[in-house]
Amino acid sequence: MTAADLEQLLIARLIREKGGTLQTWRRALGSVIVLDTRTHAHCNWDFRLSGTDAQRAVIEQLLDDVRLKHSIVEAC
């Protein structure tokens, strides 16, 4: 899975589970950060969140779930 695939997966799940628009969730999700697997062997990605507190809480919960299934991604 690439970082772009991960972003699309997260946005699709957010829209399906919480409603809202693609643009709203894309802004709230912010940008993906892909880290080196040599220093981050268990999970090599994170997001720079920029939404409201409520949006961030929803996103953090989803990120925890997705990290269990997709812990390593490739840069785009």
PDB file of N, CA and C in Angstrom:
ATOM      1  N   MET A   1       0.852  -1.174   0.000  1.00  0.00           N
ATOM      2  CA  MET A   1       0.000   0.000   0.000  1.00  0.00           C
ATOM      3  C   MET A   1       0.895   1.233   0.000  1.00  0.00           C
ATOM      4  N   THR A   2       0.539   2.186  -0.826  1.00  0.00           N
ATOM      5  CA  THR A   2       1.297   3.431  -0.867  1.00  0.00           C
ATOM      6  C   THR A   2       0.665   4.446   0.091  1.00  0.00           C
ATOM      7  N   ALA A   3       1.380   5.521   0.345  1.00  0.00           N
ATOM      8  CA  ALA A   3       0.867   6.583   1.207  1.00  0.00           C
ATOM      9  C   ALA A   3      -0.406   7.194   0.616  1.00  0.00           C
ATOM     10  N   ALA A   4      -0.452   7.330  -0.702  1.00  0.00           N
ATOM     11  CA  ALA A   4      -1.650   7.872  -1.358  1.00  0.00           C
ATOM     12  C   ALA A   4      -2.839   6.926  -1.200  1.00  0.00           C
ATOM     13  N   ASP A   5      -2.586   5.621  -1.312  1.00  0.00           N
ATOM     14  CA  ASP A   5      -3.646   4.625  -1.096  1.00  0.00           C
ATOM     15  C   ASP A   5      -4.176   4.710   0.335  1.00  0.00           C
ATOM     16  N   LEU A   6      -3.270   4.853   1.282  1.00  0.00           N
ATOM     17  CA  LEU A   6      -3.652   4.961   2.684  1.00  0.00           C
ATOM     18  C   LEU A   6      -4.530   6.187   2.915  1.00  0.00           C
ATOM     19  N   GLU A   7      -4.138   7.312   2.336  1.00  0.00           N
ATOM     20  CA  GLU A   7      -4.921   8.541   2.476  1.00  0.00           C
ATOM     21  C   GLU A   7      -6.329   8.359   1.903  1.00  0.00           C
ATOM     22  N   GLN A   8      -6.422   7.737   0.735  1.00  0.00           N
ATOM     23  CA  GLN A   8      -7.727   7.499   0.110  1.00  0.00           C
ATOM     24  C   GLN A   8      -8.583   6.548   0.946  1.00  0.00           C
ATOM     25  N   LEU A   9      -7.966   5.522   1.510  1.00  0.00           N
ATOM     26  CA  LEU A   9      -8.681   4.583   2.365  1.00  0.00           C
ATOM     27  C   LEU A   9      -9.262   5.288   3.587  1.00  0.00           C
ATOM     28  N   LEU A  10      -8.440   6.108   4.232  1.00  0.00           N
ATOM     29  CA  LEU A  10      -8.887   6.826   5.424  1.00  0.00           C
ATOM     30  C   LEU A  10     -10.026   7.795   5.112  1.00  0.00           C
ATOM     31  N   ILE A  11      -9.890   8.539   4.056  1.00  0.00           N
ATOM     32  CA  ILE A  11     -10.921   9.513   3.696  1.00  0.00           C
ATOM     33  C   ILE A  11     -12.229   8.796   3.348  1.00  0.00           C
ATOM     34  N   ALA A  12     -12.135   7.704   2.601  1.00  0.00           N
ATOM     35  CA  ALA A  12     -13.347   6.955   2.248  1.00  0.00           C
ATOM     36  C   ALA A  12     -14.042   6.419   3.500  1.00  0.00           C
ATOM     37  N   ARG A  13     -13.273   5.899   4.446  1.00  0.00           N
ATOM     38  CA  ARG A  13     -13.880   5.383   5.680  1.00  0.00           C
ATOM     39  C   ARG A  13     -14.475   6.500   6.520  1.00  0.00           C
ATOM     40  N   LEU A  14     -13.806   7.636   6.572  1.00  0.00           N
ATOM     41  CA  LEU A  14     -14.339   8.771   7.336  1.00  0.00           C
ATOM     42  C   LEU A  14     -15.677   9.234   6.754  1.00  0.00           C
ATOM     43  N   ILE A  15     -15.749   9.344   5.445  1.00  0.00           N
ATOM     44  CA  ILE A  15     -16.994   9.772   4.798  1.00  0.00           C
ATOM     45  C   ILE A  15     -18.092   8.743   5.046  1.00  0.00           C
ATOM     46  N   ARG A  16     -17.756   7.462   4.893  1.00  0.00           N
ATOM     47  CA  ARG A  16     -18.748   6.402   5.060  1.00  0.00           C
ATOM     48  C   ARG A  16     -19.236   6.312   6.508  1.00  0.00           C
ATOM     49  N   GLU A  17     -18.309   6.421   7.468  1.00  0.00           N
ATOM     50  CA  GLU A  17     -18.664   6.212   8.867  1.00  0.00           C
ATOM     51  C   GLU A  17     -19.173   7.469   9.571  1.00  0.00           C
ATOM     52  N   LYS A  18     -18.705   8.652   9.160  1.00  0.00           N
ATOM     53  CA  LYS A  18     -19.054   9.887   9.869  1.00  0.00           C
ATOM     54  C   LYS A  18     -19.747  10.921   9.012  1.00  0.00           C
ATOM     55  N   GLY A  19     -19.823  10.690   7.704  1.00  0.00           N
ATOM     56  CA  GLY A  19     -20.443  11.673   6.825  1.00  0.00           C
ATOM     57  C   GLY A  19     -19.479  12.803   6.498  1.00  0.00           C
ATOM     58  N   GLY A  20     -19.979  13.848   5.907  1.00  0.00           N
ATOM     59  CA  GLY A  20     -19.134  14.971   5.523  1.00  0.00           C
ATOM     60  C   GLY A  20     -18.660  14.845   4.094  1.00  0.00           C
ATOM     61  N   THR A  21     -17.796  15.750   3.712  1.00  0.00           N
ATOM     62  CA  THR A  21     -17.318  15.788   2.330  1.00  0.00           C
ATOM     63  C   THR A  21     -15.860  15.384   2.242  1.00  0.00           C
ATOM     64  N   LEU A  22     -15.469  15.046   1.032  1.00  0.00           N
ATOM     65  CA  LEU A  22     -14.071  14.693   0.772  1.00  0.00           C
ATOM     66  C   LEU A  22     -13.146  15.839   1.151  1.00  0.00           C
ATOM     67  N   GLN A  23     -13.501  17.058   0.780  1.00  0.00           N
ATOM     68  CA  GLN A  23     -12.649  18.212   1.055  1.00  0.00           C
ATOM     69  C   GLN A  23     -12.504  18.459   2.556  1.00  0.00           C
ATOM     70  N   THR A  24     -13.592  18.313   3.296  1.00  0.00           N
ATOM     71  CA  THR A  24     -13.548  18.533   4.744  1.00  0.00           C
ATOM     72  C   THR A  24     -12.595  17.553   5.414  1.00  0.00           C
ATOM     73  N   TRP A  25     -12.734  16.272   5.084  1.00  0.00           N
ATOM     74  CA  TRP A  25     -11.885  15.261   5.725  1.00  0.00           C
ATOM     75  C   TRP A  25     -10.449  15.331   5.225  1.00  0.00           C
ATOM     76  N   ARG A  26     -10.253  15.692   3.962  1.00  0.00           N
ATOM     77  CA  ARG A  26      -8.880  15.820   3.452  1.00  0.00           C
ATOM     78  C   ARG A  26      -8.136  16.936   4.202  1.00  0.00           C
ATOM     79  N   ARG A  27      -8.823  18.052   4.431  1.00  0.00           N
ATOM     80  CA  ARG A  27      -8.213  19.157   5.197  1.00  0.00           C
ATOM     81  C   ARG A  27      -7.940  18.743   6.632  1.00  0.00           C
ATOM     82  N   ALA A  28      -8.897  18.057   7.253  1.00  0.00           N
ATOM     83  CA  ALA A  28      -8.742  17.649   8.645  1.00  0.00           C
ATOM     84  C   ALA A  28      -7.644  16.602   8.805  1.00  0.00           C
ATOM     85  N   LEU A  29      -7.528  15.707   7.833  1.00  0.00           N
ATOM     86  CA  LEU A  29      -6.513  14.658   7.896  1.00  0.00           C
ATOM     87  C   LEU A  29      -5.112  15.214   7.741  1.00  0.00           C
ATOM     88  N   GLY A  30      -4.970  16.241   6.946  1.00  0.00           N
ATOM     89  CA  GLY A  30      -3.647  16.834   6.756  1.00  0.00           C
ATOM     90  C   GLY A  30      -2.787  15.975   5.846  1.00  0.00           C
ATOM     91  N   SER A  31      -1.487  16.106   6.004  1.00  0.00           N
ATOM     92  CA  SER A  31      -0.567  15.409   5.107  1.00  0.00           C
ATOM     93  C   SER A  31       0.013  14.165   5.782  1.00  0.00           C
ATOM     94  N   VAL A  32       0.254  13.157   4.947  1.00  0.00           N
ATOM     95  CA  VAL A  32       0.852  11.911   5.442  1.00  0.00           C
ATOM     96  C   VAL A  32       2.365  12.092   5.551  1.00  0.00           C
ATOM     97  N   ILE A  33       2.920  11.508   6.581  1.00  0.00           N
ATOM     98  CA  ILE A  33       4.369  11.530   6.793  1.00  0.00           C
ATOM     99  C   ILE A  33       4.840  10.087   6.742  1.00  0.00           C
ATOM    100  N   VAL A  34       5.702   9.755   5.786  1.00  0.00           N
ATOM    101  CA  VAL A  34       6.254   8.407   5.671  1.00  0.00           C
ATOM    102  C   VAL A  34       7.660   8.434   6.267  1.00  0.00           C
ATOM    103  N   LEU A  35       7.877   7.556   7.239  1.00  0.00           N
ATOM    104  CA  LEU A  35       9.144   7.501   7.969  1.00  0.00           C
ATOM    105  C   LEU A  35       9.969   6.302   7.508  1.00  0.00           C
ATOM    106  N   ASP A  36      11.231   6.315   7.811  1.00  0.00           N
ATOM    107  CA  ASP A  36      12.139   5.241   7.438  1.00  0.00           C
ATOM    108  C   ASP A  36      11.839   3.991   8.261  1.00  0.00           C
ATOM    109  N   THR A  37      11.701   2.852   7.601  1.00  0.00           N
ATOM    110  CA  THR A  37      11.394   1.607   8.312  1.00  0.00           C
ATOM    111  C   THR A  37      12.559   1.119   9.161  1.00  0.00           C
ATOM    112  N   ARG A  38      13.766   1.614   8.912  1.00  0.00           N
ATOM    113  CA  ARG A  38      14.902   1.226   9.761  1.00  0.00           C
ATOM    114  C   ARG A  38      14.771   1.809  11.159  1.00  0.00           C
ATOM    115  N   THR A  39      14.140   2.955  11.278  1.00  0.00           N
ATOM    116  CA  THR A  39      13.962   3.578  12.594  1.00  0.00           C
ATOM    117  C   THR A  39      12.546   3.454  13.125  1.00  0.00           C
ATOM    118  N   HIS A  40      11.607   3.084  12.261  1.00  0.00           N
ATOM    119  CA  HIS A  40      10.204   2.925  12.655  1.00  0.00           C
ATOM    120  C   HIS A  40       9.703   1.589  12.106  1.00  0.00           C
ATOM    121  N   ALA A  41      10.166   0.513  12.689  1.00  0.00           N
ATOM    122  CA  ALA A  41       9.914  -0.832  12.163  1.00  0.00           C
ATOM    123  C   ALA A  41       8.470  -1.289  12.337  1.00  0.00           C
ATOM    124  N   HIS A  42       7.772  -0.789  13.335  1.00  0.00           N
ATOM    125  CA  HIS A  42       6.417  -1.262  13.594  1.00  0.00           C
ATOM    126  C   HIS A  42       5.351  -0.492  12.829  1.00  0.00           C
ATOM    127  N   CYS A  43       5.580   0.775  12.593  1.00  0.00           N
ATOM    128  CA  CYS A  43       4.641   1.610  11.838  1.00  0.00           C
ATOM    129  C   CYS A  43       5.430   2.786  11.267  1.00  0.00           C
ATOM    130  N   ASN A  44       5.447   2.902   9.950  1.00  0.00           N
ATOM    131  CA  ASN A  44       6.305   3.919   9.338  1.00  0.00           C
ATOM    132  C   ASN A  44       5.547   5.116   8.789  1.00  0.00           C
ATOM    133  N   TRP A  45       4.341   5.360   9.303  1.00  0.00           N
ATOM    134  CA  TRP A  45       3.582   6.508   8.801  1.00  0.00           C
ATOM    135  C   TRP A  45       2.836   7.205   9.927  1.00  0.00           C
ATOM    136  N   ASP A  46       2.533   8.466   9.670  1.00  0.00           N
ATOM    137  CA  ASP A  46       1.735   9.271  10.585  1.00  0.00           C
ATOM    138  C   ASP A  46       1.099  10.382   9.757  1.00  0.00           C
ATOM    139  N   PHE A  47       0.188  11.105  10.360  1.00  0.00           N
ATOM    140  CA  PHE A  47      -0.457  12.228   9.684  1.00  0.00           C
ATOM    141  C   PHE A  47      -0.282  13.485  10.515  1.00  0.00           C
ATOM    142  N   ARG A  48      -0.179  14.609   9.840  1.00  0.00           N
ATOM    143  CA  ARG A  48      -0.128  15.914  10.485  1.00  0.00           C
ATOM    144  C   ARG A  48      -1.551  16.461  10.462  1.00  0.00           C
ATOM    145  N   LEU A  49      -2.310  16.156  11.526  1.00  0.00           N
ATOM    146  CA  LEU A  49      -3.732  16.501  11.585  1.00  0.00           C
ATOM    147  C   LEU A  49      -3.931  18.004  11.722  1.00  0.00           C
ATOM    148  N   SER A  50      -5.013  18.502  11.118  1.00  0.00           N
ATOM    149  CA  SER A  50      -5.268  19.936  11.192  1.00  0.00           C
ATOM    150  C   SER A  50      -6.742  20.266  11.365  1.00  0.00           C
ATOM    151  N   GLY A  51      -7.553  19.316  11.764  1.00  0.00           N
ATOM    152  CA  GLY A  51      -8.978  19.560  11.925  1.00  0.00           C
ATOM    153  C   GLY A  51      -9.323  20.074  13.314  1.00  0.00           C
ATOM    154  N   THR A  52     -10.611  20.097  13.577  1.00  0.00           N
ATOM    155  CA  THR A  52     -11.094  20.507  14.902  1.00  0.00           C
ATOM    156  C   THR A  52     -10.781  19.404  15.914  1.00  0.00           C
ATOM    157  N   ASP A  53     -10.986  19.697  17.187  1.00  0.00           N
ATOM    158  CA  ASP A  53     -10.753  18.689  18.215  1.00  0.00           C
ATOM    159  C   ASP A  53     -11.638  17.462  17.995  1.00  0.00           C
ATOM    160  N   ALA A  54     -12.883  17.680  17.645  1.00  0.00           N
ATOM    161  CA  ALA A  54     -13.806  16.568  17.405  1.00  0.00           C
ATOM    162  C   ALA A  54     -13.359  15.739  16.195  1.00  0.00           C
ATOM    163  N   GLN A  55     -12.947  16.413  15.129  1.00  0.00           N
ATOM    164  CA  GLN A  55     -12.470  15.700  13.944  1.00  0.00           C
ATOM    165  C   GLN A  55     -11.203  14.917  14.266  1.00  0.00           C
ATOM    166  N   ARG A  56     -10.302  15.525  15.006  1.00  0.00           N
ATOM    167  CA  ARG A  56      -9.055  14.832  15.359  1.00  0.00           C
ATOM    168  C   ARG A  56      -9.313  13.595  16.202  1.00  0.00           C
ATOM    169  N   ALA A  57     -10.271  13.658  17.104  1.00  0.00           N
ATOM    170  CA  ALA A  57     -10.612  12.500  17.934  1.00  0.00           C
ATOM    171  C   ALA A  57     -11.112  11.346  17.072  1.00  0.00           C
ATOM    172  N   VAL A  58     -11.980  11.655  16.108  1.00  0.00           N
ATOM    173  CA  VAL A  58     -12.495  10.639  15.191  1.00  0.00           C
ATOM    174  C   VAL A  58     -11.360  10.061  14.353  1.00  0.00           C
ATOM    175  N   ILE A  59     -10.506  10.926  13.837  1.00  0.00           N
ATOM    176  CA  ILE A  59      -9.400  10.481  12.989  1.00  0.00           C
ATOM    177  C   ILE A  59      -8.420   9.625  13.783  1.00  0.00           C
ATOM    178  N   GLU A  60      -8.068  10.032  14.988  1.00  0.00           N
ATOM    179  CA  GLU A  60      -7.123   9.261  15.810  1.00  0.00           C
ATOM    180  C   GLU A  60      -7.647   7.861  16.078  1.00  0.00           C
ATOM    181  N   GLN A  61      -8.931   7.738  16.341  1.00  0.00           N
ATOM    182  CA  GLN A  61      -9.528   6.426  16.571  1.00  0.00           C
ATOM    183  C   GLN A  61      -9.424   5.565  15.317  1.00  0.00           C
ATOM    184  N   LEU A  62      -9.697   6.153  14.166  1.00  0.00           N
ATOM    185  CA  LEU A  62      -9.586   5.432  12.906  1.00  0.00           C
ATOM    186  C   LEU A  62      -8.131   5.058  12.620  1.00  0.00           C
ATOM    187  N   LEU A  63      -7.194   5.974  12.882  1.00  0.00           N
ATOM    188  CA  LEU A  63      -5.782   5.689  12.646  1.00  0.00           C
ATOM    189  C   LEU A  63      -5.320   4.490  13.467  1.00  0.00           C
ATOM    190  N   ASP A  64      -5.762   4.401  14.711  1.00  0.00           N
ATOM    191  CA  ASP A  64      -5.394   3.259  15.552  1.00  0.00           C
ATOM    192  C   ASP A  64      -5.867   1.953  14.930  1.00  0.00           C
ATOM    193  N   ASP A  65      -7.071   1.951  14.407  1.00  0.00           N
ATOM    194  CA  ASP A  65      -7.622   0.757  13.772  1.00  0.00           C
ATOM    195  C   ASP A  65      -6.856   0.402  12.502  1.00  0.00           C
ATOM    196  N   VAL A  66      -6.590   1.381  11.667  1.00  0.00           N
ATOM    197  CA  VAL A  66      -5.922   1.141  10.384  1.00  0.00           C
ATOM    198  C   VAL A  66      -4.465   0.733  10.586  1.00  0.00           C
ATOM    199  N   ARG A  67      -3.808   1.247  11.605  1.00  0.00           N
ATOM    200  CA  ARG A  67      -2.406   0.874  11.868  1.00  0.00           C
ATOM    201  C   ARG A  67      -2.257  -0.620  12.132  1.00  0.00           C
ATOM    202  N   LEU A  68      -3.278  -1.250  12.686  1.00  0.00           N
ATOM    203  CA  LEU A  68      -3.210  -2.688  12.944  1.00  0.00           C
ATOM    204  C   LEU A  68      -3.174  -3.493  11.654  1.00  0.00           C
ATOM    205  N   LYS A  69      -3.805  -3.005  10.615  1.00  0.00           N
ATOM    206  CA  LYS A  69      -3.887  -3.730   9.347  1.00  0.00           C
ATOM    207  C   LYS A  69      -2.857  -3.274   8.312  1.00  0.00           C
ATOM    208  N   HIS A  70      -2.489  -2.005   8.383  1.00  0.00           N
ATOM    209  CA  HIS A  70      -1.583  -1.416   7.378  1.00  0.00           C
ATOM    210  C   HIS A  70      -0.501  -0.613   8.098  1.00  0.00           C
ATOM    211  N   SER A  71       0.423  -1.296   8.738  1.00  0.00           N
ATOM    212  CA  SER A  71       1.412  -0.583   9.545  1.00  0.00           C
ATOM    213  C   SER A  71       2.587  -0.042   8.721  1.00  0.00           C
ATOM    214  N   ILE A  72       2.833  -0.630   7.573  1.00  0.00           N
ATOM    215  CA  ILE A  72       3.953  -0.192   6.730  1.00  0.00           C
ATOM    216  C   ILE A  72       3.400   0.230   5.361  1.00  0.00           C
ATOM    217  N   VAL A  73       3.769   1.431   4.922  1.00  0.00           N
ATOM    218  CA  VAL A  73       3.384   1.897   3.590  1.00  0.00           C
ATOM    219  C   VAL A  73       4.631   2.314   2.819  1.00  0.00           C
ATOM    220  N   GLU A  74       4.468   2.400   1.519  1.00  0.00           N
ATOM    221  CA  GLU A  74       5.547   2.881   0.651  1.00  0.00           C
ATOM    222  C   GLU A  74       5.297   4.329   0.324  1.00  0.00           C
ATOM    223  N   ALA A  75       6.348   5.086   0.146  1.00  0.00           N
ATOM    224  CA  ALA A  75       6.194   6.488  -0.287  1.00  0.00           C
ATOM    225  C   ALA A  75       5.591   6.490  -1.684  1.00  0.00           C
ATOM    226  N   CYS A  76       4.878   7.538  -2.021  1.00  0.00           N
ATOM    227  CA  CYS A  76       4.207   7.614  -3.335  1.00  0.00           C
ATOM    228  C   CYS A  76       5.191   7.631  -4.460  1.00  0.00           C
TER     229      CYS A  76
END
